[in-house]
């Protein structure tokens, strides 16, 4: 499923996001989002599959699902948490607040990842997250 979204990342989101990150005052998010080495890119894919899936999808979905006993509410709360983290990342990098397309893409992928976790478990949600980050192997950021 994530491989279907990969062309959208490669041809639409990556050029816009990498150009915005290159113009940001702080370059830390650029280096994290687009590693320059193969080892760094593989590390990003594994980080996304493991830690990011665990702490931004699986654990919040489990907690919110137990607290509310409703899957849709748990997914909504996880999306809100992920949007907050994305906005904090953008603020830390010094990006302008008008990066709504980035937040929207994060919300969509978070919703899909949470639903995949709720219906199929942790391993398929890990594979979904890893598949989405495969775009770093196909796209070189602007200016490198």
N, C-alpha and C. Protein backbone atom coordinates (compact mmCIF):
# COMPACT_ATOMS: atom_id res chain seq x y z
N UNK A 1 0.82 -1.18 0.00
CA UNK A 1 0.00 0.00 0.00
C UNK A 1 0.87 1.26 0.00
N UNK A 2 1.94 1.23 0.75
CA UNK A 2 2.81 2.42 0.78
C UNK A 2 3.52 2.63 -0.55
N UNK A 3 3.72 1.56 -1.30
CA UNK A 3 4.37 1.69 -2.60
C UNK A 3 3.48 2.45 -3.59
N UNK A 4 2.16 2.43 -3.35
CA UNK A 4 1.26 3.21 -4.20
C UNK A 4 1.42 4.71 -3.95
N UNK A 5 1.75 5.08 -2.73
CA UNK A 5 1.95 6.49 -2.39
C UNK A 5 3.35 6.99 -2.73
N UNK A 6 4.26 6.08 -3.00
CA UNK A 6 5.65 6.46 -3.26
C UNK A 6 5.81 7.44 -4.42
N UNK A 7 5.13 7.26 -5.57
CA UNK A 7 5.26 8.26 -6.64
C UNK A 7 4.77 9.65 -6.22
N UNK A 8 3.77 9.71 -5.37
CA UNK A 8 3.28 11.00 -4.88
C UNK A 8 4.37 11.71 -4.08
N UNK A 9 5.08 10.97 -3.26
CA UNK A 9 6.19 11.54 -2.50
C UNK A 9 7.31 11.98 -3.43
N UNK A 10 7.68 11.11 -4.36
CA UNK A 10 8.84 11.37 -5.22
C UNK A 10 8.61 12.56 -6.14
N UNK A 11 7.42 12.63 -6.76
CA UNK A 11 7.21 13.64 -7.79
C UNK A 11 6.53 14.91 -7.29
N UNK A 12 5.86 14.87 -6.13
CA UNK A 12 5.16 16.05 -5.69
C UNK A 12 5.67 16.59 -4.37
N UNK A 13 5.67 15.78 -3.34
CA UNK A 13 5.99 16.28 -2.00
C UNK A 13 7.49 16.53 -1.81
N UNK A 14 8.33 15.63 -2.28
CA UNK A 14 9.78 15.78 -2.07
C UNK A 14 10.35 17.06 -2.66
N UNK A 15 10.04 17.42 -3.91
CA UNK A 15 10.63 18.67 -4.44
C UNK A 15 10.21 19.90 -3.64
N UNK A 16 8.96 19.95 -3.21
CA UNK A 16 8.48 21.10 -2.45
C UNK A 16 9.12 21.13 -1.07
N UNK A 17 9.12 19.99 -0.41
CA UNK A 17 9.63 19.92 0.96
C UNK A 17 11.15 20.14 1.01
N UNK A 18 11.87 19.54 0.08
CA UNK A 18 13.33 19.71 0.12
C UNK A 18 13.73 21.15 -0.19
N UNK A 19 13.00 21.80 -1.10
CA UNK A 19 13.29 23.21 -1.38
C UNK A 19 12.99 24.08 -0.16
N UNK A 20 11.90 23.78 0.54
CA UNK A 20 11.56 24.55 1.75
C UNK A 20 12.59 24.31 2.85
N UNK A 21 13.03 23.08 2.99
CA UNK A 21 14.01 22.77 4.04
C UNK A 21 15.37 23.40 3.74
N UNK A 22 15.70 23.51 2.46
CA UNK A 22 16.98 24.14 2.12
C UNK A 22 16.98 25.62 2.40
N UNK A 23 15.80 26.24 2.33
CA UNK A 23 15.70 27.66 2.62
C UNK A 23 15.50 27.96 4.09
N UNK A 24 15.38 26.94 4.92
CA UNK A 24 15.14 27.13 6.35
C UNK A 24 16.41 27.63 7.04
N UNK A 25 16.25 28.44 8.07
CA UNK A 25 17.42 28.94 8.80
C UNK A 25 18.23 27.83 9.47
N UNK A 26 17.56 26.84 10.00
CA UNK A 26 18.26 25.73 10.66
C UNK A 26 18.22 24.53 9.73
N UNK A 27 19.36 23.95 9.47
CA UNK A 27 19.47 22.88 8.49
C UNK A 27 19.34 21.49 9.11
N UNK A 28 19.03 21.39 10.39
CA UNK A 28 19.01 20.09 11.05
C UNK A 28 17.93 19.17 10.49
N UNK A 29 16.75 19.72 10.21
CA UNK A 29 15.67 18.88 9.69
C UNK A 29 15.98 18.41 8.27
N UNK A 30 16.71 19.20 7.50
CA UNK A 30 17.11 18.79 6.15
C UNK A 30 18.02 17.57 6.21
N UNK A 31 18.99 17.61 7.10
CA UNK A 31 19.92 16.49 7.23
C UNK A 31 19.20 15.24 7.74
N UNK A 32 18.22 15.41 8.59
CA UNK A 32 17.47 14.26 9.09
C UNK A 32 16.48 13.71 8.07
N UNK A 33 15.88 14.58 7.29
CA UNK A 33 14.87 14.15 6.32
C UNK A 33 15.47 13.57 5.05
N UNK A 34 16.64 14.05 4.67
CA UNK A 34 17.29 13.60 3.44
C UNK A 34 18.76 13.28 3.72
N UNK A 35 19.04 12.13 4.32
CA UNK A 35 20.44 11.77 4.59
C UNK A 35 21.22 11.64 3.28
N UNK A 36 22.50 11.97 3.34
CA UNK A 36 23.31 11.98 2.12
C UNK A 36 23.97 10.63 1.84
N UNK A 37 24.06 9.75 2.82
CA UNK A 37 24.70 8.45 2.61
C UNK A 37 23.67 7.34 2.57
N UNK A 38 24.05 6.23 1.98
CA UNK A 38 23.16 5.07 1.92
C UNK A 38 22.89 4.55 3.32
N UNK A 39 23.90 4.57 4.17
CA UNK A 39 23.72 4.14 5.56
C UNK A 39 22.72 5.04 6.28
N UNK A 40 22.82 6.34 6.05
CA UNK A 40 21.87 7.27 6.65
C UNK A 40 20.46 7.06 6.16
N UNK A 41 20.32 6.77 4.88
CA UNK A 41 18.99 6.52 4.31
C UNK A 41 18.39 5.24 4.86
N UNK A 42 19.20 4.20 4.95
CA UNK A 42 18.73 2.95 5.54
C UNK A 42 18.36 3.15 7.01
N UNK A 43 19.14 3.93 7.71
CA UNK A 43 18.84 4.24 9.11
C UNK A 43 17.50 4.96 9.25
N UNK A 44 17.22 5.88 8.33
CA UNK A 44 15.95 6.60 8.34
C UNK A 44 14.78 5.65 8.13
N UNK A 45 14.92 4.73 7.18
CA UNK A 45 13.86 3.77 6.91
C UNK A 45 13.62 2.87 8.13
N UNK A 46 14.70 2.40 8.74
CA UNK A 46 14.56 1.55 9.92
C UNK A 46 14.03 2.32 11.13
N UNK A 47 14.44 3.57 11.30
CA UNK A 47 13.92 4.40 12.37
C UNK A 47 12.41 4.59 12.21
N UNK A 48 12.01 4.88 10.99
CA UNK A 48 10.59 5.07 10.73
C UNK A 48 9.79 3.81 10.99
N UNK A 49 10.35 2.68 10.57
CA UNK A 49 9.65 1.41 10.76
C UNK A 49 9.56 1.02 12.23
N UNK A 50 10.60 1.29 12.98
CA UNK A 50 10.64 0.85 14.37
C UNK A 50 10.12 1.88 15.35
N UNK A 51 10.95 2.86 15.65
CA UNK A 51 10.64 3.81 16.72
C UNK A 51 9.47 4.72 16.38
N UNK A 52 9.46 5.27 15.18
CA UNK A 52 8.40 6.20 14.83
C UNK A 52 7.04 5.50 14.83
N UNK A 53 7.00 4.28 14.30
CA UNK A 53 5.75 3.53 14.31
C UNK A 53 5.33 3.20 15.73
N UNK A 54 6.28 2.83 16.55
CA UNK A 54 5.96 2.47 17.93
C UNK A 54 5.44 3.67 18.72
N UNK A 55 6.15 4.80 18.65
CA UNK A 55 5.83 5.91 19.53
C UNK A 55 4.81 6.89 18.97
N UNK A 56 4.56 6.89 17.67
CA UNK A 56 3.59 7.82 17.11
C UNK A 56 2.34 7.13 16.57
N UNK A 57 2.33 5.79 16.55
CA UNK A 57 1.13 5.09 16.08
C UNK A 57 0.71 4.00 17.04
N UNK A 58 1.55 3.02 17.27
CA UNK A 58 1.15 1.84 18.04
C UNK A 58 0.84 2.18 19.50
N UNK A 59 1.76 2.83 20.18
CA UNK A 59 1.54 3.14 21.59
C UNK A 59 0.38 4.12 21.80
N UNK A 60 0.31 5.23 21.05
CA UNK A 60 -0.84 6.11 21.24
C UNK A 60 -2.17 5.44 20.86
N UNK A 61 -2.16 4.63 19.79
CA UNK A 61 -3.40 3.94 19.41
C UNK A 61 -3.83 3.00 20.53
N UNK A 62 -2.91 2.29 21.12
CA UNK A 62 -3.24 1.37 22.21
C UNK A 62 -3.78 2.14 23.41
N UNK A 63 -3.10 3.22 23.78
CA UNK A 63 -3.53 4.01 24.93
C UNK A 63 -4.90 4.65 24.68
N UNK A 64 -5.03 5.36 23.57
CA UNK A 64 -6.28 6.05 23.29
C UNK A 64 -7.43 5.06 23.03
N UNK A 65 -7.10 3.92 22.44
CA UNK A 65 -8.12 2.90 22.23
C UNK A 65 -8.65 2.34 23.54
N UNK A 66 -7.77 2.13 24.48
CA UNK A 66 -8.19 1.64 25.80
C UNK A 66 -8.96 2.70 26.58
N UNK A 67 -8.53 3.94 26.46
CA UNK A 67 -9.21 5.01 27.20
C UNK A 67 -10.60 5.31 26.64
N UNK A 68 -10.73 5.33 25.33
CA UNK A 68 -11.99 5.74 24.72
C UNK A 68 -12.86 4.57 24.26
N UNK A 69 -12.24 3.42 24.04
CA UNK A 69 -12.93 2.22 23.53
C UNK A 69 -13.60 2.46 22.18
N UNK A 70 -13.05 3.41 21.42
CA UNK A 70 -13.56 3.69 20.07
C UNK A 70 -12.37 3.89 19.14
N UNK A 71 -12.33 3.09 18.09
CA UNK A 71 -11.20 3.15 17.16
C UNK A 71 -11.11 4.50 16.45
N UNK A 72 -12.24 5.05 16.04
CA UNK A 72 -12.21 6.31 15.30
C UNK A 72 -11.69 7.46 16.17
N UNK A 73 -12.06 7.47 17.44
CA UNK A 73 -11.56 8.51 18.34
C UNK A 73 -10.06 8.32 18.57
N UNK A 74 -9.63 7.08 18.72
CA UNK A 74 -8.21 6.80 18.92
C UNK A 74 -7.40 7.23 17.71
N UNK A 75 -7.90 6.97 16.51
CA UNK A 75 -7.20 7.40 15.29
C UNK A 75 -7.15 8.92 15.24
N UNK A 76 -8.23 9.59 15.57
CA UNK A 76 -8.25 11.05 15.56
C UNK A 76 -7.26 11.65 16.55
N UNK A 77 -7.18 11.07 17.74
CA UNK A 77 -6.23 11.57 18.73
C UNK A 77 -4.78 11.31 18.31
N UNK A 78 -4.54 10.17 17.66
CA UNK A 78 -3.19 9.90 17.14
C UNK A 78 -2.82 10.88 16.03
N UNK A 79 -3.79 11.21 15.19
CA UNK A 79 -3.54 12.18 14.14
C UNK A 79 -3.21 13.55 14.74
N UNK A 80 -3.92 13.92 15.79
CA UNK A 80 -3.65 15.20 16.45
C UNK A 80 -2.24 15.20 17.07
N UNK A 81 -1.85 14.09 17.68
CA UNK A 81 -0.50 13.98 18.24
C UNK A 81 0.54 14.10 17.15
N UNK A 82 0.34 13.42 16.03
CA UNK A 82 1.30 13.46 14.92
C UNK A 82 1.38 14.85 14.30
N UNK A 83 0.24 15.53 14.19
CA UNK A 83 0.24 16.90 13.66
C UNK A 83 1.02 17.82 14.59
N UNK A 84 0.85 17.64 15.89
CA UNK A 84 1.59 18.45 16.86
C UNK A 84 3.09 18.22 16.70
N UNK A 85 3.50 16.97 16.57
CA UNK A 85 4.93 16.66 16.41
C UNK A 85 5.46 17.27 15.11
N UNK A 86 4.70 17.18 14.04
CA UNK A 86 5.12 17.76 12.75
C UNK A 86 5.25 19.28 12.85
N UNK A 87 4.31 19.92 13.51
CA UNK A 87 4.39 21.38 13.68
C UNK A 87 5.59 21.77 14.54
N UNK A 88 5.89 20.99 15.55
CA UNK A 88 7.07 21.25 16.38
C UNK A 88 8.35 21.08 15.57
N UNK A 89 8.39 20.06 14.71
CA UNK A 89 9.56 19.86 13.86
C UNK A 89 9.76 21.04 12.92
N UNK A 90 8.67 21.52 12.32
CA UNK A 90 8.76 22.66 11.41
C UNK A 90 9.20 23.91 12.16
N UNK A 91 8.67 24.12 13.35
CA UNK A 91 9.06 25.30 14.14
C UNK A 91 10.53 25.21 14.54
N UNK A 92 10.99 24.03 14.89
CA UNK A 92 12.39 23.85 15.28
C UNK A 92 13.34 24.15 14.12
N UNK A 93 12.91 23.79 12.91
CA UNK A 93 13.75 24.03 11.73
C UNK A 93 13.62 25.46 11.23
N UNK A 94 12.65 26.21 11.76
CA UNK A 94 12.47 27.59 11.33
C UNK A 94 11.67 27.72 10.06
N UNK A 95 10.86 26.71 9.74
CA UNK A 95 10.03 26.77 8.54
C UNK A 95 8.82 27.65 8.79
N UNK A 96 8.31 28.27 7.74
CA UNK A 96 7.12 29.11 7.91
C UNK A 96 5.90 28.26 8.26
N UNK A 97 4.92 28.90 8.84
CA UNK A 97 3.70 28.20 9.25
C UNK A 97 2.84 27.76 8.08
N UNK A 98 3.13 28.21 6.89
CA UNK A 98 2.31 27.88 5.73
C UNK A 98 2.66 26.56 5.08
N UNK A 99 3.19 25.62 5.83
CA UNK A 99 3.54 24.31 5.28
C UNK A 99 2.39 23.33 5.47
N UNK A 100 1.18 23.78 5.13
CA UNK A 100 0.00 22.97 5.39
C UNK A 100 0.00 21.67 4.58
N UNK A 101 0.60 21.66 3.39
CA UNK A 101 0.66 20.43 2.61
C UNK A 101 1.49 19.36 3.32
N UNK A 102 2.53 19.80 4.02
CA UNK A 102 3.35 18.85 4.77
C UNK A 102 2.55 18.26 5.92
N UNK A 103 1.86 19.10 6.67
CA UNK A 103 1.04 18.62 7.78
C UNK A 103 -0.09 17.74 7.26
N UNK A 104 -0.67 18.11 6.13
CA UNK A 104 -1.75 17.29 5.56
C UNK A 104 -1.23 15.91 5.16
N UNK A 105 -0.05 15.84 4.57
CA UNK A 105 0.50 14.54 4.19
C UNK A 105 0.82 13.70 5.43
N UNK A 106 1.30 14.37 6.48
CA UNK A 106 1.58 13.66 7.73
C UNK A 106 0.28 13.12 8.33
N UNK A 107 -0.78 13.90 8.28
CA UNK A 107 -2.06 13.46 8.81
C UNK A 107 -2.62 12.27 8.05
N UNK A 108 -2.52 12.31 6.74
CA UNK A 108 -3.03 11.19 5.94
C UNK A 108 -2.23 9.92 6.22
N UNK A 109 -0.92 10.02 6.21
CA UNK A 109 -0.12 8.82 6.45
C UNK A 109 -0.28 8.32 7.88
N UNK A 110 -0.49 9.23 8.82
CA UNK A 110 -0.73 8.82 10.20
C UNK A 110 -2.06 8.09 10.33
N UNK A 111 -3.09 8.60 9.68
CA UNK A 111 -4.40 7.94 9.73
C UNK A 111 -4.33 6.55 9.13
N UNK A 112 -3.70 6.44 7.97
CA UNK A 112 -3.59 5.13 7.33
C UNK A 112 -2.75 4.18 8.18
N UNK A 113 -1.65 4.67 8.71
CA UNK A 113 -0.80 3.83 9.56
C UNK A 113 -1.52 3.35 10.81
N UNK A 114 -2.33 4.22 11.41
CA UNK A 114 -3.08 3.83 12.61
C UNK A 114 -4.15 2.81 12.28
N UNK A 115 -4.83 2.98 11.16
CA UNK A 115 -5.85 2.01 10.77
C UNK A 115 -5.20 0.67 10.43
N UNK A 116 -4.07 0.70 9.76
CA UNK A 116 -3.34 -0.54 9.47
C UNK A 116 -2.94 -1.22 10.77
N UNK A 117 -2.46 -0.45 11.74
CA UNK A 117 -2.10 -1.03 13.04
C UNK A 117 -3.32 -1.63 13.73
N UNK A 118 -4.42 -0.91 13.73
CA UNK A 118 -5.62 -1.39 14.43
C UNK A 118 -6.19 -2.65 13.78
N UNK A 119 -6.12 -2.75 12.47
CA UNK A 119 -6.72 -3.89 11.78
C UNK A 119 -5.79 -5.08 11.61
N UNK A 120 -4.50 -4.81 11.39
CA UNK A 120 -3.59 -5.89 11.02
C UNK A 120 -2.42 -6.11 11.97
N UNK A 121 -2.14 -5.13 12.85
CA UNK A 121 -1.07 -5.32 13.81
C UNK A 121 0.15 -4.46 13.54
N UNK A 122 1.18 -4.72 14.34
CA UNK A 122 2.37 -3.87 14.33
C UNK A 122 3.26 -4.08 13.11
N UNK A 123 3.47 -5.31 12.72
CA UNK A 123 4.40 -5.58 11.60
C UNK A 123 3.90 -4.95 10.29
N UNK A 124 2.62 -5.10 9.91
CA UNK A 124 2.18 -4.40 8.69
C UNK A 124 2.29 -2.88 8.79
N UNK A 125 2.06 -2.32 9.98
CA UNK A 125 2.21 -0.86 10.10
C UNK A 125 3.68 -0.46 10.01
N UNK A 126 4.58 -1.32 10.48
CA UNK A 126 6.01 -1.06 10.31
C UNK A 126 6.40 -1.07 8.84
N UNK A 127 5.89 -2.05 8.11
CA UNK A 127 6.19 -2.15 6.68
C UNK A 127 5.62 -0.95 5.92
N UNK A 128 4.44 -0.50 6.33
CA UNK A 128 3.84 0.69 5.70
C UNK A 128 4.74 1.91 5.91
N UNK A 129 5.19 2.12 7.15
CA UNK A 129 6.05 3.28 7.44
C UNK A 129 7.38 3.18 6.71
N UNK A 130 7.96 2.00 6.68
CA UNK A 130 9.24 1.82 5.97
C UNK A 130 9.06 2.06 4.48
N UNK A 131 7.96 1.58 3.93
CA UNK A 131 7.69 1.78 2.51
C UNK A 131 7.55 3.24 2.14
N UNK A 132 6.95 4.03 3.03
CA UNK A 132 6.81 5.46 2.76
C UNK A 132 8.15 6.18 2.75
N UNK A 133 9.08 5.71 3.56
CA UNK A 133 10.38 6.38 3.61
C UNK A 133 11.36 5.88 2.56
N UNK A 134 10.95 4.97 1.72
CA UNK A 134 11.82 4.54 0.63
C UNK A 134 12.08 5.64 -0.38
N UNK A 135 11.29 6.72 -0.32
CA UNK A 135 11.48 7.82 -1.26
C UNK A 135 12.87 8.43 -1.17
N UNK A 136 13.54 8.31 -0.02
CA UNK A 136 14.88 8.90 0.11
C UNK A 136 15.90 8.19 -0.77
N UNK A 137 15.61 6.98 -1.21
CA UNK A 137 16.52 6.27 -2.10
C UNK A 137 16.34 6.68 -3.56
N UNK A 138 15.21 7.31 -3.87
CA UNK A 138 14.91 7.66 -5.26
C UNK A 138 15.08 9.13 -5.58
N UNK A 139 15.13 9.96 -4.57
CA UNK A 139 15.15 11.40 -4.81
C UNK A 139 16.37 12.01 -4.13
N UNK A 140 17.11 12.78 -4.89
CA UNK A 140 18.20 13.56 -4.32
C UNK A 140 17.65 14.95 -4.03
N UNK A 141 17.86 15.51 -2.85
CA UNK A 141 17.33 16.83 -2.55
C UNK A 141 17.97 17.89 -3.41
N UNK A 142 17.26 19.00 -3.54
CA UNK A 142 17.71 20.11 -4.36
C UNK A 142 19.01 20.67 -3.78
N UNK A 143 19.97 20.92 -4.63
CA UNK A 143 21.20 21.57 -4.21
C UNK A 143 22.28 20.65 -3.71
N UNK A 144 22.12 19.34 -3.85
CA UNK A 144 23.18 18.43 -3.39
C UNK A 144 23.92 17.86 -4.56
